[in-house]
N, C-alpha and C. Protein backbone atom coordinates (compact mmCIF):
# COMPACT_ATOMS: atom_id res chain seq x y z
N PRO A 1 -11.08 -4.26 17.24
CA PRO A 1 -9.73 -4.05 17.81
C PRO A 1 -8.64 -4.11 16.75
N GLN A 2 -8.82 -4.95 15.73
CA GLN A 2 -7.80 -5.06 14.68
C GLN A 2 -7.68 -3.77 13.88
N LYS A 3 -8.81 -3.09 13.66
CA LYS A 3 -8.79 -1.84 12.92
C LYS A 3 -7.99 -0.79 13.68
N GLU A 4 -8.21 -0.68 14.99
CA GLU A 4 -7.50 0.30 15.79
C GLU A 4 -6.00 -0.01 15.83
N GLU A 5 -5.66 -1.29 15.91
CA GLU A 5 -4.26 -1.69 15.92
C GLU A 5 -3.60 -1.32 14.58
N PHE A 6 -4.30 -1.56 13.48
CA PHE A 6 -3.78 -1.20 12.16
C PHE A 6 -3.57 0.31 12.07
N GLN A 7 -4.55 1.08 12.52
CA GLN A 7 -4.44 2.54 12.47
C GLN A 7 -3.25 3.02 13.30
N LYS A 8 -3.05 2.45 14.46
CA LYS A 8 -1.92 2.82 15.32
C LYS A 8 -0.60 2.50 14.62
N ASP A 9 -0.51 1.32 14.02
CA ASP A 9 0.71 0.93 13.32
C ASP A 9 0.95 1.81 12.09
N LEU A 10 -0.10 2.20 11.41
CA LEU A 10 0.03 3.09 10.26
C LEU A 10 0.51 4.47 10.70
N MET A 11 0.03 4.94 11.83
CA MET A 11 0.50 6.22 12.38
C MET A 11 2.01 6.15 12.66
N SER A 12 2.45 5.03 13.19
CA SER A 12 3.89 4.85 13.44
C SER A 12 4.68 4.87 12.14
N LEU A 13 4.15 4.23 11.10
CA LEU A 13 4.81 4.23 9.80
C LEU A 13 4.92 5.67 9.26
N ILE A 14 3.87 6.44 9.43
CA ILE A 14 3.88 7.84 8.99
C ILE A 14 4.98 8.61 9.72
N ASP A 15 5.02 8.48 11.04
CA ASP A 15 6.01 9.22 11.84
C ASP A 15 7.44 8.76 11.57
N GLU A 16 7.64 7.45 11.50
CA GLU A 16 8.99 6.90 11.43
C GLU A 16 9.59 6.90 10.02
N GLN A 17 8.75 6.78 8.97
CA GLN A 17 9.30 6.64 7.64
C GLN A 17 8.72 7.60 6.61
N LEU A 18 7.39 7.67 6.54
CA LEU A 18 6.78 8.48 5.48
C LEU A 18 7.04 9.96 5.67
N SER A 19 7.26 10.40 6.89
CA SER A 19 7.54 11.81 7.16
C SER A 19 8.87 12.26 6.54
N HIS A 20 9.71 11.32 6.16
CA HIS A 20 11.01 11.64 5.57
C HIS A 20 11.00 11.65 4.04
N LYS A 21 9.85 11.40 3.45
CA LYS A 21 9.72 11.38 1.99
C LYS A 21 9.50 12.79 1.47
N GLU A 22 9.75 13.00 0.18
CA GLU A 22 9.52 14.31 -0.43
C GLU A 22 8.04 14.52 -0.78
N LYS A 23 7.42 13.48 -1.35
CA LYS A 23 6.03 13.55 -1.75
C LYS A 23 5.31 12.29 -1.30
N LEU A 24 3.99 12.44 -1.10
CA LEU A 24 3.16 11.30 -0.72
C LEU A 24 1.85 11.33 -1.50
N PHE A 25 1.37 10.14 -1.78
CA PHE A 25 0.02 9.96 -2.29
C PHE A 25 -0.50 8.73 -1.60
N VAL A 26 -1.66 8.83 -0.99
CA VAL A 26 -2.22 7.68 -0.28
C VAL A 26 -3.57 7.31 -0.87
N LEU A 27 -3.80 6.01 -0.87
CA LEU A 27 -5.02 5.47 -1.46
C LEU A 27 -5.42 4.26 -0.64
N SER A 28 -6.67 4.22 -0.22
CA SER A 28 -7.16 3.00 0.42
C SER A 28 -7.96 2.24 -0.64
N PHE A 29 -7.94 0.93 -0.52
CA PHE A 29 -8.69 0.14 -1.49
C PHE A 29 -9.28 -1.08 -0.81
N GLY A 30 -10.43 -1.42 -1.28
CA GLY A 30 -11.16 -2.61 -0.87
C GLY A 30 -11.95 -2.97 -2.10
N THR A 31 -13.27 -2.90 -2.02
CA THR A 31 -14.08 -3.05 -3.21
C THR A 31 -13.92 -1.81 -4.09
N ASN A 32 -13.77 -0.64 -3.44
CA ASN A 32 -13.56 0.63 -4.14
C ASN A 32 -12.26 1.26 -3.68
N THR A 33 -11.79 2.25 -4.44
CA THR A 33 -10.61 2.99 -4.03
C THR A 33 -11.03 4.36 -3.51
N ARG A 34 -10.23 4.89 -2.61
CA ARG A 34 -10.48 6.22 -2.07
C ARG A 34 -9.14 6.88 -1.77
N SER A 35 -8.88 7.99 -2.43
CA SER A 35 -7.62 8.69 -2.18
C SER A 35 -7.88 9.92 -1.31
N LEU A 36 -6.85 10.29 -0.59
CA LEU A 36 -6.95 11.46 0.27
C LEU A 36 -6.85 12.74 -0.55
N TRP A 37 -5.95 12.76 -1.52
CA TRP A 37 -5.72 13.93 -2.36
C TRP A 37 -5.84 13.52 -3.82
N PRO A 38 -6.11 14.48 -4.71
CA PRO A 38 -6.19 14.14 -6.13
C PRO A 38 -4.81 13.89 -6.77
N ASP A 39 -3.77 14.47 -6.17
CA ASP A 39 -2.41 14.35 -6.70
C ASP A 39 -1.42 14.16 -5.56
N PRO A 40 -0.20 13.71 -5.86
CA PRO A 40 0.82 13.61 -4.81
C PRO A 40 1.05 14.98 -4.16
N MET A 41 1.32 14.94 -2.87
CA MET A 41 1.51 16.17 -2.09
C MET A 41 2.93 16.25 -1.56
N GLU A 42 3.48 17.48 -1.52
CA GLU A 42 4.77 17.72 -0.88
C GLU A 42 4.59 17.46 0.61
N VAL A 43 5.53 16.74 1.21
CA VAL A 43 5.43 16.42 2.63
C VAL A 43 5.69 17.67 3.46
N SER A 44 4.78 17.92 4.38
CA SER A 44 4.90 19.03 5.32
C SER A 44 4.17 18.61 6.60
N ALA A 45 4.30 19.39 7.64
CA ALA A 45 3.63 19.08 8.90
C ALA A 45 2.12 19.03 8.70
N SER A 46 1.56 19.96 7.92
CA SER A 46 0.11 19.98 7.72
C SER A 46 -0.37 18.80 6.88
N VAL A 47 0.42 18.40 5.89
CA VAL A 47 0.07 17.24 5.07
C VAL A 47 0.10 15.97 5.92
N LEU A 48 1.09 15.83 6.77
CA LEU A 48 1.18 14.66 7.64
C LEU A 48 0.03 14.63 8.64
N GLN A 49 -0.35 15.80 9.15
CA GLN A 49 -1.48 15.87 10.08
C GLN A 49 -2.78 15.47 9.37
N GLU A 50 -2.96 15.96 8.14
CA GLU A 50 -4.14 15.61 7.36
C GLU A 50 -4.18 14.10 7.09
N LEU A 51 -3.02 13.53 6.80
CA LEU A 51 -2.91 12.09 6.57
C LEU A 51 -3.30 11.31 7.83
N LYS A 52 -2.83 11.73 8.97
CA LYS A 52 -3.16 11.04 10.22
C LYS A 52 -4.66 11.11 10.52
N LEU A 53 -5.27 12.24 10.25
CA LEU A 53 -6.72 12.35 10.45
C LEU A 53 -7.47 11.42 9.50
N TRP A 54 -6.97 11.30 8.27
CA TRP A 54 -7.57 10.42 7.27
C TRP A 54 -7.46 8.95 7.70
N VAL A 55 -6.30 8.59 8.25
CA VAL A 55 -6.08 7.21 8.72
C VAL A 55 -7.14 6.84 9.75
N LYS A 56 -7.52 7.78 10.60
CA LYS A 56 -8.52 7.51 11.63
C LYS A 56 -9.91 7.24 11.04
N THR A 57 -10.13 7.64 9.79
CA THR A 57 -11.44 7.42 9.15
C THR A 57 -11.50 6.13 8.34
N LEU A 58 -10.37 5.44 8.19
CA LEU A 58 -10.33 4.24 7.36
C LEU A 58 -11.28 3.17 7.90
N GLN A 59 -12.02 2.55 6.98
CA GLN A 59 -12.96 1.49 7.32
C GLN A 59 -12.75 0.32 6.36
N PRO A 60 -12.94 -0.91 6.80
CA PRO A 60 -12.90 -2.04 5.87
C PRO A 60 -13.95 -1.83 4.77
N ASP A 61 -13.60 -2.27 3.55
CA ASP A 61 -14.48 -2.01 2.40
C ASP A 61 -14.59 -3.23 1.52
N GLY A 62 -15.08 -4.32 2.05
CA GLY A 62 -15.35 -5.50 1.22
C GLY A 62 -14.12 -6.18 0.70
N GLY A 63 -13.99 -6.20 -0.62
CA GLY A 63 -12.94 -6.97 -1.30
C GLY A 63 -11.55 -6.39 -1.15
N SER A 64 -10.69 -6.79 -2.09
CA SER A 64 -9.31 -6.33 -2.10
C SER A 64 -8.90 -6.12 -3.55
N ASN A 65 -9.48 -5.07 -4.16
CA ASN A 65 -9.29 -4.81 -5.58
C ASN A 65 -7.99 -4.06 -5.84
N LEU A 66 -6.89 -4.79 -5.76
CA LEU A 66 -5.56 -4.21 -5.96
C LEU A 66 -5.39 -3.67 -7.37
N LEU A 67 -5.95 -4.35 -8.36
CA LEU A 67 -5.80 -3.91 -9.74
C LEU A 67 -6.40 -2.51 -9.94
N GLN A 68 -7.57 -2.26 -9.40
CA GLN A 68 -8.19 -0.93 -9.50
C GLN A 68 -7.29 0.12 -8.84
N ALA A 69 -6.71 -0.19 -7.71
CA ALA A 69 -5.82 0.74 -7.02
C ALA A 69 -4.57 1.01 -7.87
N LEU A 70 -4.00 -0.04 -8.44
CA LEU A 70 -2.80 0.13 -9.28
C LEU A 70 -3.10 1.00 -10.50
N LYS A 71 -4.26 0.81 -11.09
CA LYS A 71 -4.63 1.62 -12.26
C LYS A 71 -4.67 3.10 -11.90
N LYS A 72 -5.14 3.42 -10.71
CA LYS A 72 -5.16 4.81 -10.26
C LYS A 72 -3.74 5.31 -10.00
N ILE A 73 -2.95 4.52 -9.32
CA ILE A 73 -1.58 4.92 -8.95
C ILE A 73 -0.71 5.18 -10.18
N PHE A 74 -0.76 4.29 -11.16
CA PHE A 74 0.14 4.40 -12.29
C PHE A 74 -0.23 5.51 -13.27
N THR A 75 -1.36 6.20 -13.04
CA THR A 75 -1.68 7.37 -13.87
C THR A 75 -1.04 8.64 -13.30
N LEU A 76 -0.56 8.55 -12.06
CA LEU A 76 0.02 9.73 -11.39
C LEU A 76 1.45 9.97 -11.84
N LYS A 77 1.81 11.23 -11.92
CA LYS A 77 3.18 11.61 -12.30
C LYS A 77 3.97 11.96 -11.04
N GLY A 78 5.26 11.73 -11.10
CA GLY A 78 6.14 12.16 -10.02
C GLY A 78 6.35 11.16 -8.90
N LEU A 79 5.83 9.96 -9.04
CA LEU A 79 6.05 8.95 -8.00
C LEU A 79 7.14 7.98 -8.46
N ASP A 80 8.00 7.59 -7.52
CA ASP A 80 9.07 6.65 -7.88
C ASP A 80 9.05 5.38 -7.04
N SER A 81 8.09 5.30 -6.12
CA SER A 81 7.98 4.08 -5.31
C SER A 81 6.53 3.89 -4.87
N LEU A 82 6.26 2.66 -4.50
CA LEU A 82 4.92 2.27 -4.11
C LEU A 82 5.02 1.32 -2.93
N VAL A 83 4.22 1.57 -1.90
CA VAL A 83 4.12 0.68 -0.76
C VAL A 83 2.69 0.18 -0.71
N VAL A 84 2.51 -1.14 -0.83
CA VAL A 84 1.19 -1.76 -0.79
C VAL A 84 1.09 -2.55 0.51
N ILE A 85 0.14 -2.18 1.36
CA ILE A 85 -0.06 -2.88 2.63
C ILE A 85 -1.38 -3.64 2.53
N MET A 86 -1.30 -4.96 2.73
CA MET A 86 -2.51 -5.79 2.57
C MET A 86 -2.67 -6.73 3.74
N ARG A 87 -3.93 -6.97 4.07
CA ARG A 87 -4.26 -7.94 5.12
C ARG A 87 -4.92 -9.19 4.54
N SER A 88 -5.43 -9.07 3.31
CA SER A 88 -6.05 -10.23 2.66
C SER A 88 -5.54 -10.34 1.23
N CYS A 89 -5.74 -11.48 0.63
CA CYS A 89 -5.27 -11.71 -0.73
C CYS A 89 -5.97 -10.76 -1.71
N PRO A 90 -5.24 -10.35 -2.75
CA PRO A 90 -5.89 -9.53 -3.78
C PRO A 90 -6.99 -10.31 -4.48
N ASP A 91 -7.99 -9.59 -4.99
CA ASP A 91 -9.09 -10.23 -5.71
C ASP A 91 -8.63 -10.80 -7.06
N GLN A 92 -7.57 -10.25 -7.63
CA GLN A 92 -7.09 -10.69 -8.93
C GLN A 92 -5.94 -11.69 -8.78
N PRO A 93 -5.80 -12.58 -9.76
CA PRO A 93 -4.67 -13.52 -9.73
C PRO A 93 -3.34 -12.78 -9.85
N SER A 94 -2.31 -13.34 -9.23
CA SER A 94 -0.98 -12.73 -9.24
C SER A 94 -0.45 -12.49 -10.65
N GLU A 95 -0.77 -13.40 -11.57
CA GLU A 95 -0.25 -13.27 -12.94
C GLU A 95 -0.78 -11.99 -13.59
N ILE A 96 -2.05 -11.70 -13.40
CA ILE A 96 -2.65 -10.48 -13.98
C ILE A 96 -2.03 -9.25 -13.34
N LEU A 97 -1.87 -9.26 -12.02
CA LEU A 97 -1.26 -8.12 -11.33
C LEU A 97 0.18 -7.92 -11.76
N SER A 98 0.92 -9.02 -11.85
CA SER A 98 2.32 -8.96 -12.26
C SER A 98 2.45 -8.38 -13.67
N ASP A 99 1.67 -8.88 -14.60
CA ASP A 99 1.71 -8.36 -15.98
C ASP A 99 1.38 -6.87 -16.02
N TYR A 100 0.35 -6.47 -15.29
CA TYR A 100 -0.05 -5.06 -15.29
C TYR A 100 1.06 -4.18 -14.71
N ILE A 101 1.65 -4.61 -13.59
CA ILE A 101 2.72 -3.82 -12.97
C ILE A 101 3.92 -3.72 -13.90
N GLN A 102 4.30 -4.83 -14.51
CA GLN A 102 5.46 -4.81 -15.40
C GLN A 102 5.22 -3.89 -16.60
N GLN A 103 4.03 -3.94 -17.17
CA GLN A 103 3.72 -3.06 -18.30
C GLN A 103 3.69 -1.59 -17.87
N SER A 104 3.15 -1.32 -16.70
CA SER A 104 2.99 0.06 -16.23
C SER A 104 4.29 0.69 -15.77
N THR A 105 5.26 -0.13 -15.38
CA THR A 105 6.52 0.42 -14.88
C THR A 105 7.66 0.29 -15.89
N MET A 106 7.36 -0.22 -17.06
CA MET A 106 8.39 -0.40 -18.08
C MET A 106 9.03 0.95 -18.42
N GLY A 107 10.35 0.99 -18.36
CA GLY A 107 11.06 2.21 -18.69
C GLY A 107 11.09 3.23 -17.55
N ARG A 108 10.51 2.87 -16.41
CA ARG A 108 10.51 3.77 -15.25
C ARG A 108 11.37 3.16 -14.15
N ASP A 109 12.04 4.01 -13.40
CA ASP A 109 12.78 3.56 -12.23
C ASP A 109 11.81 3.58 -11.07
N PHE A 110 11.20 2.45 -10.77
CA PHE A 110 10.09 2.38 -9.83
C PHE A 110 10.33 1.25 -8.85
N ILE A 111 10.26 1.53 -7.56
CA ILE A 111 10.46 0.52 -6.52
C ILE A 111 9.12 0.19 -5.88
N ILE A 112 8.83 -1.10 -5.71
CA ILE A 112 7.56 -1.52 -5.11
C ILE A 112 7.84 -2.39 -3.89
N HIS A 113 7.16 -2.05 -2.80
CA HIS A 113 7.22 -2.83 -1.57
C HIS A 113 5.83 -3.39 -1.30
N PHE A 114 5.75 -4.70 -1.14
CA PHE A 114 4.49 -5.35 -0.75
C PHE A 114 4.63 -5.77 0.71
N ILE A 115 3.66 -5.39 1.51
CA ILE A 115 3.69 -5.70 2.93
C ILE A 115 2.44 -6.48 3.31
N THR A 116 2.66 -7.63 3.91
CA THR A 116 1.56 -8.39 4.48
C THR A 116 1.41 -7.90 5.92
N TYR A 117 0.24 -7.37 6.25
CA TYR A 117 0.00 -6.86 7.60
C TYR A 117 -0.67 -7.94 8.43
N SER A 118 -0.17 -8.16 9.63
CA SER A 118 -0.66 -9.22 10.52
C SER A 118 -0.65 -10.56 9.80
N CYS A 119 0.54 -11.02 9.48
CA CYS A 119 0.72 -12.28 8.78
C CYS A 119 0.02 -13.41 9.54
N ASP A 120 -0.96 -13.99 8.92
CA ASP A 120 -1.68 -15.11 9.52
C ASP A 120 -2.34 -15.93 8.42
N ASP A 121 -3.27 -16.77 8.78
CA ASP A 121 -3.90 -17.66 7.81
C ASP A 121 -4.78 -16.94 6.78
N GLN A 122 -5.23 -15.71 7.09
CA GLN A 122 -6.07 -14.99 6.13
C GLN A 122 -5.32 -14.66 4.84
N MET A 123 -4.02 -14.48 4.95
CA MET A 123 -3.23 -14.08 3.79
C MET A 123 -1.96 -14.89 3.75
N PRO A 124 -1.92 -15.90 2.90
CA PRO A 124 -0.68 -16.65 2.79
C PRO A 124 0.43 -15.72 2.28
N PRO A 125 1.52 -15.57 3.03
CA PRO A 125 2.59 -14.67 2.61
C PRO A 125 3.14 -14.98 1.22
N ALA A 126 3.04 -16.22 0.80
CA ALA A 126 3.59 -16.60 -0.51
C ALA A 126 2.94 -15.81 -1.65
N VAL A 127 1.67 -15.41 -1.50
CA VAL A 127 0.98 -14.69 -2.58
C VAL A 127 1.70 -13.39 -2.89
N LEU A 128 1.92 -12.55 -1.88
CA LEU A 128 2.60 -11.28 -2.12
C LEU A 128 4.10 -11.45 -2.33
N LYS A 129 4.68 -12.44 -1.69
CA LYS A 129 6.11 -12.69 -1.87
C LYS A 129 6.39 -13.04 -3.33
N ASN A 130 5.58 -13.92 -3.90
CA ASN A 130 5.76 -14.30 -5.30
C ASN A 130 5.51 -13.11 -6.23
N LEU A 131 4.52 -12.30 -5.92
CA LEU A 131 4.23 -11.11 -6.73
C LEU A 131 5.40 -10.14 -6.67
N ALA A 132 5.94 -9.93 -5.48
CA ALA A 132 7.09 -9.03 -5.32
C ALA A 132 8.28 -9.52 -6.15
N GLU A 133 8.54 -10.80 -6.11
CA GLU A 133 9.65 -11.37 -6.88
C GLU A 133 9.41 -11.20 -8.38
N ALA A 134 8.17 -11.40 -8.82
CA ALA A 134 7.85 -11.31 -10.25
C ALA A 134 8.06 -9.91 -10.80
N VAL A 135 7.87 -8.89 -9.97
CA VAL A 135 8.01 -7.50 -10.45
C VAL A 135 9.31 -6.86 -9.94
N ARG A 136 10.20 -7.69 -9.44
CA ARG A 136 11.49 -7.24 -8.90
C ARG A 136 11.31 -6.20 -7.79
N GLY A 137 10.31 -6.46 -6.95
CA GLY A 137 10.05 -5.59 -5.82
C GLY A 137 10.53 -6.24 -4.54
N TYR A 138 10.03 -5.75 -3.44
CA TYR A 138 10.43 -6.24 -2.13
C TYR A 138 9.20 -6.71 -1.37
N TYR A 139 9.39 -7.75 -0.58
CA TYR A 139 8.30 -8.29 0.23
C TYR A 139 8.65 -8.14 1.71
N HIS A 140 7.68 -7.69 2.49
CA HIS A 140 7.85 -7.56 3.93
C HIS A 140 6.64 -8.18 4.62
N CYS A 141 6.87 -8.76 5.76
CA CYS A 141 5.78 -9.31 6.57
C CYS A 141 5.82 -8.56 7.89
N TYR A 142 4.72 -7.89 8.22
CA TYR A 142 4.65 -7.16 9.48
C TYR A 142 3.57 -7.77 10.36
N SER A 143 3.97 -8.15 11.55
CA SER A 143 3.04 -8.70 12.52
C SER A 143 3.31 -8.05 13.86
N PRO A 144 2.36 -7.26 14.37
CA PRO A 144 2.60 -6.62 15.65
C PRO A 144 2.80 -7.62 16.79
N LYS A 145 2.18 -8.78 16.70
CA LYS A 145 2.29 -9.78 17.75
C LYS A 145 3.70 -10.37 17.81
N MET A 146 4.29 -10.62 16.63
CA MET A 146 5.63 -11.20 16.59
C MET A 146 6.70 -10.14 16.43
N GLU A 147 6.30 -8.88 16.25
CA GLU A 147 7.20 -7.77 16.01
C GLU A 147 8.16 -8.04 14.87
N LEU A 148 7.62 -8.52 13.77
CA LEU A 148 8.42 -8.72 12.55
C LEU A 148 8.45 -7.43 11.77
């Protein structure tokens, strides 16, 4: 049931916010990373439809290898922001992630949003909140139950 709720909430995010962006690149990560497209895509009705179909295929994948996902993201050209949605703590310590993000975004105008999905005991919000502060990003906590 949690997977279906996440997919529904992600569909809402696509409709309400991501549909207004110029370009999108999506990547799921767990133990491994999986991207929908090889490069960022111009937003269009067909791209959004393809994204929604992809969301329906998402499956939990073991760990939470945020560093591997970041390494993939920061090789891409043309992106100016990043939204990271997590339900569990990253596999890597915050210090390593913070250092990597700071080095990868140096000299770039890059905005990062960290979102804790379904804030509960599985993921202490302080982990991503501290990481967001360290990289001058933004932290959000989303809980469908509390409507945060």
